[in-house]
């Protein structure tokens, strides 16, 4: 995969803090810290799968809510028993 270069403007205070952080935690430089931070934010700590639209998430939430209220929601053990 080809890499792309970006220009990032940050405040002097943030840059100084980033330099200290990078040095303390063994990053080569602030650029490496920024790239690693973006990877972590985008790929590792995502709260939900952003490939779903807001409308799809709303529909899923509604189905779950109605299943709970109707008593038709089963636990994982019962669910996977159906596939045995």
Protein backbone atom coordinates (compact mmCIF):
# COMPACT_ATOMS: atom_id res chain seq x y z
CA UNK A 1 0.00 0.00 0.00
CA UNK A 2 1.34 3.41 -0.95
CA UNK A 3 1.90 5.91 1.80
CA UNK A 4 0.65 9.49 1.71
CA UNK A 5 2.23 12.49 3.35
CA UNK A 6 0.12 15.08 5.15
CA UNK A 7 0.82 18.47 6.68
CA UNK A 8 -0.56 18.75 10.22
CA UNK A 9 -0.75 22.06 12.08
CA UNK A 10 -0.93 21.89 15.87
CA UNK A 11 -0.33 24.38 18.64
CA UNK A 12 3.13 24.82 20.08
CA UNK A 13 2.01 23.45 23.44
CA UNK A 14 0.54 20.32 21.85
CA UNK A 15 3.70 19.80 19.80
CA UNK A 16 5.92 20.14 22.88
CA UNK A 17 3.74 17.65 24.77
CA UNK A 18 3.77 15.28 21.80
CA UNK A 19 7.58 15.49 21.64
CA UNK A 20 7.86 14.66 25.33
CA UNK A 21 5.37 11.80 24.99
CA UNK A 22 7.14 10.42 21.92
CA UNK A 23 10.52 10.54 23.62
CA UNK A 24 9.24 8.97 26.86
CA UNK A 25 7.41 6.11 25.11
CA UNK A 26 10.13 5.36 22.55
CA UNK A 27 8.65 6.78 19.35
CA UNK A 28 11.22 7.90 16.79
CA UNK A 29 9.52 11.28 16.43
CA UNK A 30 6.19 13.10 16.62
CA UNK A 31 5.31 11.93 13.09
CA UNK A 32 5.52 8.28 14.19
CA UNK A 33 3.41 9.08 17.28
CA UNK A 34 0.78 10.81 15.12
CA UNK A 35 0.58 7.87 12.69
CA UNK A 36 0.30 5.38 15.56
CA UNK A 37 -2.35 7.52 17.27
CA UNK A 38 -4.42 7.64 14.08
CA UNK A 39 -4.14 3.86 13.65
CA UNK A 40 -5.27 3.33 17.24
CA UNK A 41 -8.17 5.75 16.96
CA UNK A 42 -9.41 4.40 13.63
CA UNK A 43 -8.71 0.67 13.80
CA UNK A 44 -8.30 -0.41 17.41
CA UNK A 45 -10.66 1.57 19.61
CA UNK A 46 -13.73 1.97 17.45
CA UNK A 47 -16.90 1.67 19.56
CA UNK A 48 -18.98 0.33 16.70
CA UNK A 49 -18.71 -0.74 13.11
CA UNK A 50 -19.02 2.50 11.20
CA UNK A 51 -19.96 0.65 8.03
CA UNK A 52 -23.56 0.78 9.27
CA UNK A 53 -25.50 3.95 8.60
CA UNK A 54 -27.23 5.80 11.43
CA UNK A 55 -30.57 4.51 10.10
CA UNK A 56 -29.34 0.90 10.13
CA UNK A 57 -28.09 1.24 13.70
CA UNK A 58 -31.45 2.70 14.73
CA UNK A 59 -33.27 -0.25 13.12
CA UNK A 60 -31.00 -2.77 14.86
CA UNK A 61 -31.57 -1.04 18.20
CA UNK A 62 -35.34 -1.16 17.62
CA UNK A 63 -35.25 -4.89 16.83
CA UNK A 64 -33.24 -5.61 19.98
CA UNK A 65 -35.55 -3.48 22.12
CA UNK A 66 -38.69 -5.18 20.76
CA UNK A 67 -37.11 -8.63 21.18
CA UNK A 68 -36.32 -7.89 24.83
CA UNK A 69 -39.84 -6.57 25.50
CA UNK A 70 -41.51 -9.57 23.84
CA UNK A 71 -39.31 -12.05 25.71
CA UNK A 72 -38.02 -13.54 22.46
CA UNK A 73 -34.39 -12.64 23.07
CA UNK A 74 -32.32 -15.69 24.01
CA UNK A 75 -28.83 -16.06 25.41
CA UNK A 76 -25.79 -17.03 23.36
CA UNK A 77 -25.90 -20.66 24.53
CA UNK A 78 -29.50 -21.15 23.33
CA UNK A 79 -28.78 -19.28 20.11
CA UNK A 80 -25.77 -21.38 19.15
CA UNK A 81 -27.54 -24.61 20.13
CA UNK A 82 -29.72 -24.08 17.05
CA UNK A 83 -26.61 -24.47 14.85
CA UNK A 84 -25.41 -27.76 16.34
